[in-house]
Amino acid sequence: MAEALTMPKFGQTMEEGTIVSWKKKEGDSISKGDVVMEVETDKAVMDVESDLQGTLLKIVAPAGQTLKCGETMAWVGRPGEKIPA
C-alpha cells in the first residue's frame, strides 16, 4: 500500500513549510535517510530525509508550494501501485 510522505515538523513552533526544491523525481527509488527535498521554514532552509522506502510514485506538492505540517507532499510505494485520491 502506498504511503504518504508528509511535511515534517522541525520544531515546536513550526506550523508550515514551503518546498524549495525536490531532490528526487517521480519514478526514483528512495531509501530511508535519502534527502528527497529542501523545505524553507520561518527560520531556515532544511533538507528533508525520507522515513519511507520504495519508489516515489507521485509528487502532489510542487516546489514553491506551502503546506501545513502533516500534509501530504508525495506518495511512496511499489512501482505501479495505486495511490489514494
PDB file of N, CA and C in Angstrom:
ATOM      1  N   MET A   1       0.837  -1.183   0.000  1.00  0.00           N
ATOM      2  CA  MET A   1       0.000   0.000   0.000  1.00  0.00           C
ATOM      3  C   MET A   1       0.884   1.250   0.000  1.00  0.00           C
ATOM      4  N   ALA A   2       0.572   2.180  -0.858  1.00  0.00           N
ATOM      5  CA  ALA A   2       1.345   3.420  -0.938  1.00  0.00           C
ATOM      6  C   ALA A   2       1.233   4.191   0.373  1.00  0.00           C
ATOM      7  N   GLU A   3       2.323   4.843   0.735  1.00  0.00           N
ATOM      8  CA  GLU A   3       2.362   5.628   1.970  1.00  0.00           C
ATOM      9  C   GLU A   3       2.625   7.094   1.639  1.00  0.00           C
ATOM     10  N   ALA A   4       2.050   7.967   2.451  1.00  0.00           N
ATOM     11  CA  ALA A   4       2.203   9.409   2.254  1.00  0.00           C
ATOM     12  C   ALA A   4       3.516   9.896   2.852  1.00  0.00           C
ATOM     13  N   LEU A   5       4.237  10.693   2.089  1.00  0.00           N
ATOM     14  CA  LEU A   5       5.391  11.437   2.592  1.00  0.00           C
ATOM     15  C   LEU A   5       4.841  12.803   2.965  1.00  0.00           C
ATOM     16  N   THR A   6       4.910  13.146   4.239  1.00  0.00           N
ATOM     17  CA  THR A   6       4.241  14.353   4.726  1.00  0.00           C
ATOM     18  C   THR A   6       5.228  15.441   5.155  1.00  0.00           C
ATOM     19  N   MET A   7       4.713  16.670   5.208  1.00  0.00           N
ATOM     20  CA  MET A   7       5.522  17.803   5.654  1.00  0.00           C
ATOM     21  C   MET A   7       5.936  17.568   7.102  1.00  0.00           C
ATOM     22  N   PRO A   8       7.239  17.516   7.349  1.00  0.00           N
ATOM     23  CA  PRO A   8       7.696  17.284   8.723  1.00  0.00           C
ATOM     24  C   PRO A   8       7.533  18.528   9.597  1.00  0.00           C
ATOM     25  N   LYS A   9       7.617  18.293  10.882  1.00  0.00           N
ATOM     26  CA  LYS A   9       7.590  19.395  11.848  1.00  0.00           C
ATOM     27  C   LYS A   9       8.982  19.443  12.475  1.00  0.00           C
ATOM     28  N   PHE A  10       9.758  20.475  12.125  1.00  0.00           N
ATOM     29  CA  PHE A  10      11.147  20.575  12.581  1.00  0.00           C
ATOM     30  C   PHE A  10      11.287  21.165  13.975  1.00  0.00           C
ATOM     31  N   GLY A  11      10.274  21.823  14.470  1.00  0.00           N
ATOM     32  CA  GLY A  11      10.348  22.424  15.800  1.00  0.00           C
ATOM     33  C   GLY A  11       8.964  22.627  16.359  1.00  0.00           C
ATOM     34  N   GLN A  12       8.904  22.934  17.642  1.00  0.00           N
ATOM     35  CA  GLN A  12       7.616  23.083  18.317  1.00  0.00           C
ATOM     36  C   GLN A  12       6.767  24.212  17.736  1.00  0.00           C
ATOM     37  N   THR A  13       7.410  25.243  17.222  1.00  0.00           N
ATOM     38  CA  THR A  13       6.649  26.389  16.729  1.00  0.00           C
ATOM     39  C   THR A  13       6.363  26.318  15.225  1.00  0.00           C
ATOM     40  N   MET A  14       6.942  25.342  14.544  1.00  0.00           N
ATOM     41  CA  MET A  14       6.726  25.224  13.096  1.00  0.00           C
ATOM     42  C   MET A  14       5.299  24.782  12.810  1.00  0.00           C
ATOM     43  N   GLU A  15       4.620  25.545  11.956  1.00  0.00           N
ATOM     44  CA  GLU A  15       3.258  25.206  11.563  1.00  0.00           C
ATOM     45  C   GLU A  15       3.146  24.861  10.091  1.00  0.00           C
ATOM     46  N   GLU A  16       4.074  25.398   9.261  1.00  0.00           N
ATOM     47  CA  GLU A  16       4.047  25.134   7.826  1.00  0.00           C
ATOM     48  C   GLU A  16       5.438  25.286   7.248  1.00  0.00           C
ATOM     49  N   GLY A  17       5.614  24.766   6.039  1.00  0.00           N
ATOM     50  CA  GLY A  17       6.881  24.902   5.337  1.00  0.00           C
ATOM     51  C   GLY A  17       6.626  25.034   3.853  1.00  0.00           C
ATOM     52  N   THR A  18       7.585  25.624   3.153  1.00  0.00           N
ATOM     53  CA  THR A  18       7.494  25.800   1.711  1.00  0.00           C
ATOM     54  C   THR A  18       8.540  24.913   1.048  1.00  0.00           C
ATOM     55  N   ILE A  19       8.101  24.134   0.067  1.00  0.00           N
ATOM     56  CA  ILE A  19       9.033  23.271  -0.652  1.00  0.00           C
ATOM     57  C   ILE A  19       9.898  24.145  -1.559  1.00  0.00           C
ATOM     58  N   VAL A  20      11.211  24.104  -1.321  1.00  0.00           N
ATOM     59  CA  VAL A  20      12.159  24.885  -2.120  1.00  0.00           C
ATOM     60  C   VAL A  20      12.496  24.123  -3.396  1.00  0.00           C
ATOM     61  N   SER A  21      12.848  22.842  -3.253  1.00  0.00           N
ATOM     62  CA  SER A  21      13.185  22.021  -4.421  1.00  0.00           C
ATOM     63  C   SER A  21      13.067  20.548  -4.069  1.00  0.00           C
ATOM     64  N   TRP A  22      12.763  19.755  -5.070  1.00  0.00           N
ATOM     65  CA  TRP A  22      12.758  18.300  -4.944  1.00  0.00           C
ATOM     66  C   TRP A  22      14.113  17.781  -5.394  1.00  0.00           C
ATOM     67  N   LYS A  23      14.709  16.878  -4.629  1.00  0.00           N
ATOM     68  CA  LYS A  23      15.992  16.265  -4.969  1.00  0.00           C
ATOM     69  C   LYS A  23      15.786  14.929  -5.686  1.00  0.00           C
ATOM     70  N   LYS A  24      14.578  14.405  -5.634  1.00  0.00           N
ATOM     71  CA  LYS A  24      14.201  13.170  -6.330  1.00  0.00           C
ATOM     72  C   LYS A  24      13.044  13.508  -7.253  1.00  0.00           C
ATOM     73  N   LYS A  25      12.844  12.672  -8.271  1.00  0.00           N
ATOM     74  CA  LYS A  25      11.728  12.882  -9.194  1.00  0.00           C
ATOM     75  C   LYS A  25      10.848  11.632  -9.200  1.00  0.00           C
ATOM     76  N   GLU A  26       9.644  11.782  -9.721  1.00  0.00           N
ATOM     77  CA  GLU A  26       8.729  10.650  -9.791  1.00  0.00           C
ATOM     78  C   GLU A  26       9.409   9.490 -10.517  1.00  0.00           C
ATOM     79  N   GLY A  27       9.268   8.299  -9.955  1.00  0.00           N
ATOM     80  CA  GLY A  27       9.886   7.107 -10.529  1.00  0.00           C
ATOM     81  C   GLY A  27      11.209   6.742  -9.900  1.00  0.00           C
ATOM     82  N   ASP A  28      11.824   7.670  -9.150  1.00  0.00           N
ATOM     83  CA  ASP A  28      13.099   7.385  -8.485  1.00  0.00           C
ATOM     84  C   ASP A  28      12.882   6.470  -7.289  1.00  0.00           C
ATOM     85  N   SER A  29      13.855   5.601  -7.047  1.00  0.00           N
ATOM     86  CA  SER A  29      13.859   4.791  -5.832  1.00  0.00           C
ATOM     87  C   SER A  29      14.387   5.643  -4.692  1.00  0.00           C
ATOM     88  N   ILE A  30      13.779   5.473  -3.519  1.00  0.00           N
ATOM     89  CA  ILE A  30      14.278   6.180  -2.340  1.00  0.00           C
ATOM     90  C   ILE A  30      14.424   5.189  -1.190  1.00  0.00           C
ATOM     91  N   SER A  31      15.385   5.456  -0.356  1.00  0.00           N
ATOM     92  CA  SER A  31      15.631   4.658   0.840  1.00  0.00           C
ATOM     93  C   SER A  31      15.466   5.542   2.060  1.00  0.00           C
ATOM     94  N   LYS A  32      15.263   4.925   3.190  1.00  0.00           N
ATOM     95  CA  LYS A  32      15.176   5.692   4.429  1.00  0.00           C
ATOM     96  C   LYS A  32      16.473   6.464   4.605  1.00  0.00           C
ATOM     97  N   GLY A  33      16.346   7.747   4.913  1.00  0.00           N
ATOM     98  CA  GLY A  33      17.512   8.601   5.118  1.00  0.00           C
ATOM     99  C   GLY A  33      17.934   9.384   3.886  1.00  0.00           C
ATOM    100  N   ASP A  34      17.405   9.050   2.694  1.00  0.00           N
ATOM    101  CA  ASP A  34      17.724   9.820   1.492  1.00  0.00           C
ATOM    102  C   ASP A  34      17.130  11.223   1.598  1.00  0.00           C
ATOM    103  N   VAL A  35      17.894  12.221   1.162  1.00  0.00           N
ATOM    104  CA  VAL A  35      17.364  13.583   1.097  1.00  0.00           C
ATOM    105  C   VAL A  35      16.471  13.649  -0.138  1.00  0.00           C
ATOM    106  N   VAL A  36      15.186  13.957   0.065  1.00  0.00           N
ATOM    107  CA  VAL A  36      14.233  13.989  -1.046  1.00  0.00           C
ATOM    108  C   VAL A  36      13.847  15.398  -1.464  1.00  0.00           C
ATOM    109  N   MET A  37      14.033  16.383  -0.571  1.00  0.00           N
ATOM    110  CA  MET A  37      13.659  17.757  -0.898  1.00  0.00           C
ATOM    111  C   MET A  37      14.289  18.726   0.089  1.00  0.00           C
ATOM    112  N   GLU A  38      14.170  20.020  -0.230  1.00  0.00           N
ATOM    113  CA  GLU A  38      14.528  21.092   0.692  1.00  0.00           C
ATOM    114  C   GLU A  38      13.249  21.837   1.044  1.00  0.00           C
ATOM    115  N   VAL A  39      13.109  22.173   2.323  1.00  0.00           N
ATOM    116  CA  VAL A  39      11.936  22.896   2.807  1.00  0.00           C
ATOM    117  C   VAL A  39      12.403  24.152   3.529  1.00  0.00           C
ATOM    118  N   GLU A  40      11.720  25.269   3.254  1.00  0.00           N
ATOM    119  CA  GLU A  40      12.005  26.522   3.941  1.00  0.00           C
ATOM    120  C   GLU A  40      10.977  26.726   5.048  1.00  0.00           C
ATOM    121  N   THR A  41      11.478  26.966   6.248  1.00  0.00           N
ATOM    122  CA  THR A  41      10.619  27.308   7.377  1.00  0.00           C
ATOM    123  C   THR A  41      10.777  28.799   7.632  1.00  0.00           C
ATOM    124  N   ASP A  42      10.167  29.290   8.693  1.00  0.00           N
ATOM    125  CA  ASP A  42      10.326  30.708   9.016  1.00  0.00           C
ATOM    126  C   ASP A  42      11.730  31.024   9.524  1.00  0.00           C
ATOM    127  N   LYS A  43      12.540  29.979   9.779  1.00  0.00           N
ATOM    128  CA  LYS A  43      13.866  30.205  10.339  1.00  0.00           C
ATOM    129  C   LYS A  43      15.023  29.746   9.465  1.00  0.00           C
ATOM    130  N   ALA A  44      14.810  28.755   8.581  1.00  0.00           N
ATOM    131  CA  ALA A  44      15.928  28.195   7.824  1.00  0.00           C
ATOM    132  C   ALA A  44      15.427  27.353   6.655  1.00  0.00           C
ATOM    133  N   VAL A  45      16.368  27.008   5.753  1.00  0.00           N
ATOM    134  CA  VAL A  45      16.109  26.030   4.706  1.00  0.00           C
ATOM    135  C   VAL A  45      16.746  24.719   5.171  1.00  0.00           C
ATOM    136  N   MET A  46      15.936  23.651   5.165  1.00  0.00           N
ATOM    137  CA  MET A  46      16.389  22.375   5.712  1.00  0.00           C
ATOM    138  C   MET A  46      16.201  21.257   4.699  1.00  0.00           C
ATOM    139  N   ASP A  47      17.119  20.282   4.728  1.00  0.00           N
ATOM    140  CA  ASP A  47      16.954  19.064   3.940  1.00  0.00           C
ATOM    141  C   ASP A  47      15.920  18.186   4.618  1.00  0.00           C
ATOM    142  N   VAL A  48      15.086  17.525   3.821  1.00  0.00           N
ATOM    143  CA  VAL A  48      14.107  16.581   4.346  1.00  0.00           C
ATOM    144  C   VAL A  48      14.542  15.191   3.922  1.00  0.00           C
ATOM    145  N   GLU A  49      14.767  14.325   4.918  1.00  0.00           N
ATOM    146  CA  GLU A  49      15.124  12.937   4.667  1.00  0.00           C
ATOM    147  C   GLU A  49      13.870  12.086   4.691  1.00  0.00           C
ATOM    148  N   SER A  50      13.848  11.077   3.828  1.00  0.00           N
ATOM    149  CA  SER A  50      12.704  10.170   3.782  1.00  0.00           C
ATOM    150  C   SER A  50      12.729   9.230   4.975  1.00  0.00           C
ATOM    151  N   ASP A  51      11.550   8.991   5.526  1.00  0.00           N
ATOM    152  CA  ASP A  51      11.418   7.955   6.550  1.00  0.00           C
ATOM    153  C   ASP A  51      10.735   6.727   5.936  1.00  0.00           C
ATOM    154  N   LEU A  52      10.573   6.768   4.597  1.00  0.00           N
ATOM    155  CA  LEU A  52       9.947   5.676   3.848  1.00  0.00           C
ATOM    156  C   LEU A  52      10.935   5.106   2.846  1.00  0.00           C
ATOM    157  N   GLN A  53      10.658   3.888   2.382  1.00  0.00           N
ATOM    158  CA  GLN A  53      11.489   3.253   1.375  1.00  0.00           C
ATOM    159  C   GLN A  53      10.590   2.741   0.262  1.00  0.00           C
ATOM    160  N   GLY A  54      11.015   2.923  -0.984  1.00  0.00           N
ATOM    161  CA  GLY A  54      10.245   2.456  -2.127  1.00  0.00           C
ATOM    162  C   GLY A  54      10.507   3.330  -3.331  1.00  0.00           C
ATOM    163  N   THR A  55       9.475   3.508  -4.150  1.00  0.00           N
ATOM    164  CA  THR A  55       9.545   4.336  -5.349  1.00  0.00           C
ATOM    165  C   THR A  55       8.711   5.585  -5.130  1.00  0.00           C
ATOM    166  N   LEU A  56       9.248   6.732  -5.537  1.00  0.00           N
ATOM    167  CA  LEU A  56       8.485   7.977  -5.463  1.00  0.00           C
ATOM    168  C   LEU A  56       7.433   7.924  -6.572  1.00  0.00           C
ATOM    169  N   LEU A  57       6.206   7.599  -6.188  1.00  0.00           N
ATOM    170  CA  LEU A  57       5.133   7.368  -7.146  1.00  0.00           C
ATOM    171  C   LEU A  57       4.544   8.654  -7.695  1.00  0.00           C
ATOM    172  N   LYS A  58       4.301   9.622  -6.825  1.00  0.00           N
ATOM    173  CA  LYS A  58       3.606  10.846  -7.244  1.00  0.00           C
ATOM    174  C   LYS A  58       3.989  11.998  -6.329  1.00  0.00           C
ATOM    175  N   ILE A  59       4.421  13.099  -6.912  1.00  0.00           N
ATOM    176  CA  ILE A  59       4.650  14.342  -6.171  1.00  0.00           C
ATOM    177  C   ILE A  59       3.361  15.141  -6.276  1.00  0.00           C
ATOM    178  N   VAL A  60       2.731  15.415  -5.146  1.00  0.00           N
ATOM    179  CA  VAL A  60       1.464  16.155  -5.166  1.00  0.00           C
ATOM    180  C   VAL A  60       1.636  17.617  -4.768  1.00  0.00           C
ATOM    181  N   ALA A  61       2.812  17.983  -4.281  1.00  0.00           N
ATOM    182  CA  ALA A  61       3.093  19.367  -3.891  1.00  0.00           C
ATOM    183  C   ALA A  61       4.382  19.801  -4.583  1.00  0.00           C
ATOM    184  N   PRO A  62       4.280  20.619  -5.625  1.00  0.00           N
ATOM    185  CA  PRO A  62       5.472  21.036  -6.360  1.00  0.00           C
ATOM    186  C   PRO A  62       6.302  22.062  -5.587  1.00  0.00           C
ATOM    187  N   ALA A  63       7.519  22.290  -6.067  1.00  0.00           N
ATOM    188  CA  ALA A  63       8.372  23.331  -5.489  1.00  0.00           C
ATOM    189  C   ALA A  63       7.617  24.650  -5.510  1.00  0.00           C
ATOM    190  N   GLY A  64       7.751  25.396  -4.420  1.00  0.00           N
ATOM    191  CA  GLY A  64       7.074  26.680  -4.288  1.00  0.00           C
ATOM    192  C   GLY A  64       5.791  26.606  -3.487  1.00  0.00           C
ATOM    193  N   GLN A  65       5.267  25.399  -3.300  1.00  0.00           N
ATOM    194  CA  GLN A  65       4.010  25.251  -2.553  1.00  0.00           C
ATOM    195  C   GLN A  65       4.274  25.219  -1.056  1.00  0.00           C
ATOM    196  N   THR A  66       3.390  25.877  -0.294  1.00  0.00           N
ATOM    197  CA  THR A  66       3.460  25.894   1.166  1.00  0.00           C
ATOM    198  C   THR A  66       2.404  24.948   1.711  1.00  0.00           C
ATOM    199  N   LEU A  67       2.834  24.103   2.660  1.00  0.00           N
ATOM    200  CA  LEU A  67       1.945  23.114   3.272  1.00  0.00           C
ATOM    201  C   LEU A  67       2.024  23.192   4.779  1.00  0.00           C
ATOM    202  N   LYS A  68       0.941  22.852   5.438  1.00  0.00           N
ATOM    203  CA  LYS A  68       0.939  22.734   6.890  1.00  0.00           C
ATOM    204  C   LYS A  68       1.640  21.433   7.268  1.00  0.00           C
ATOM    205  N   CYS A  69       2.229  21.392   8.458  1.00  0.00           N
ATOM    206  CA  CYS A  69       2.888  20.184   8.942  1.00  0.00           C
ATOM    207  C   CYS A  69       1.885  19.032   8.930  1.00  0.00           C
ATOM    208  N   GLY A  70       2.325  17.895   8.422  1.00  0.00           N
ATOM    209  CA  GLY A  70       1.476  16.710   8.357  1.00  0.00           C
ATOM    210  C   GLY A  70       0.738  16.541   7.038  1.00  0.00           C
ATOM    211  N   GLU A  71       0.697  17.584   6.189  1.00  0.00           N
ATOM    212  CA  GLU A  71       0.022  17.467   4.895  1.00  0.00           C
ATOM    213  C   GLU A  71       0.876  16.636   3.933  1.00  0.00           C
ATOM    214  N   THR A  72       0.207  15.920   3.035  1.00  0.00           N
ATOM    215  CA  THR A  72       0.881  15.043   2.083  1.00  0.00           C
ATOM    216  C   THR A  72       1.611  15.832   1.009  1.00  0.00           C
ATOM    217  N   MET A  73       2.889  15.482   0.813  1.00  0.00           N
ATOM    218  CA  MET A  73       3.716  16.095  -0.218  1.00  0.00           C
ATOM    219  C   MET A  73       3.901  15.169  -1.408  1.00  0.00           C
ATOM    220  N   ALA A  74       3.918  13.860  -1.132  1.00  0.00           N
ATOM    221  CA  ALA A  74       4.163  12.865  -2.179  1.00  0.00           C
ATOM    222  C   ALA A  74       3.721  11.494  -1.678  1.00  0.00           C
ATOM    223  N   TRP A  75       3.681  10.544  -2.616  1.00  0.00           N
ATOM    224  CA  TRP A  75       3.332   9.157  -2.287  1.00  0.00           C
ATOM    225  C   TRP A  75       4.492   8.248  -2.652  1.00  0.00           C
ATOM    226  N   VAL A  76       4.784   7.291  -1.761  1.00  0.00           N
ATOM    227  CA  VAL A  76       5.872   6.336  -1.939  1.00  0.00           C
ATOM    228  C   VAL A  76       5.287   4.929  -1.841  1.00  0.00           C
ATOM    229  N   GLY A  77       5.740   4.045  -2.736  1.00  0.00           N
ATOM    230  CA  GLY A  77       5.266   2.655  -2.703  1.00  0.00           C
ATOM    231  C   GLY A  77       5.997   1.825  -3.732  1.00  0.00           C
ATOM    232  N   ARG A  78       5.332   0.777  -4.211  1.00  0.00           N
ATOM    233  CA  ARG A  78       5.897  -0.082  -5.247  1.00  0.00           C
ATOM    234  C   ARG A  78       5.503   0.460  -6.625  1.00  0.00           C
ATOM    235  N   PRO A  79       6.364   0.277  -7.632  1.00  0.00           N
ATOM    236  CA  PRO A  79       6.015   0.760  -8.971  1.00  0.00           C
ATOM    237  C   PRO A  79       4.661   0.205  -9.425  1.00  0.00           C
ATOM    238  N   GLY A  80       3.818   1.085  -9.977  1.00  0.00           N
ATOM    239  CA  GLY A  80       2.521   0.698 -10.465  1.00  0.00           C
ATOM    240  C   GLY A  80       1.422   0.639  -9.409  1.00  0.00           C
ATOM    241  N   GLU A  81       1.804   0.831  -8.174  1.00  0.00           N
ATOM    242  CA  GLU A  81       0.827   0.768  -7.086  1.00  0.00           C
ATOM    243  C   GLU A  81      -0.106   1.973  -7.151  1.00  0.00           C
ATOM    244  N   LYS A  82      -1.384   1.760  -6.843  1.00  0.00           N
ATOM    245  CA  LYS A  82      -2.354   2.858  -6.853  1.00  0.00           C
ATOM    246  C   LYS A  82      -2.166   3.730  -5.620  1.00  0.00           C
ATOM    247  N   ILE A  83      -2.398   5.027  -5.815  1.00  0.00           N
ATOM    248  CA  ILE A  83      -2.307   5.958  -4.697  1.00  0.00           C
ATOM    249  C   ILE A  83      -3.723   6.446  -4.364  1.00  0.00           C
ATOM    250  N   PRO A  84      -3.978   6.789  -3.099  1.00  0.00           N
ATOM    251  CA  PRO A  84      -5.302   7.302  -2.732  1.00  0.00           C
ATOM    252  C   PRO A  84      -5.619   8.608  -3.467  1.00  0.00           C
ATOM    253  N   ALA A  85      -6.883   8.818  -3.705  1.00  0.00           N
ATOM    254  CA  ALA A  85      -7.322  10.021  -4.428  1.00  0.00           C
ATOM    255  C   ALA A  85      -7.118  11.263  -3.595  1.00  0.00           C
TER     256      ALA A  85
END
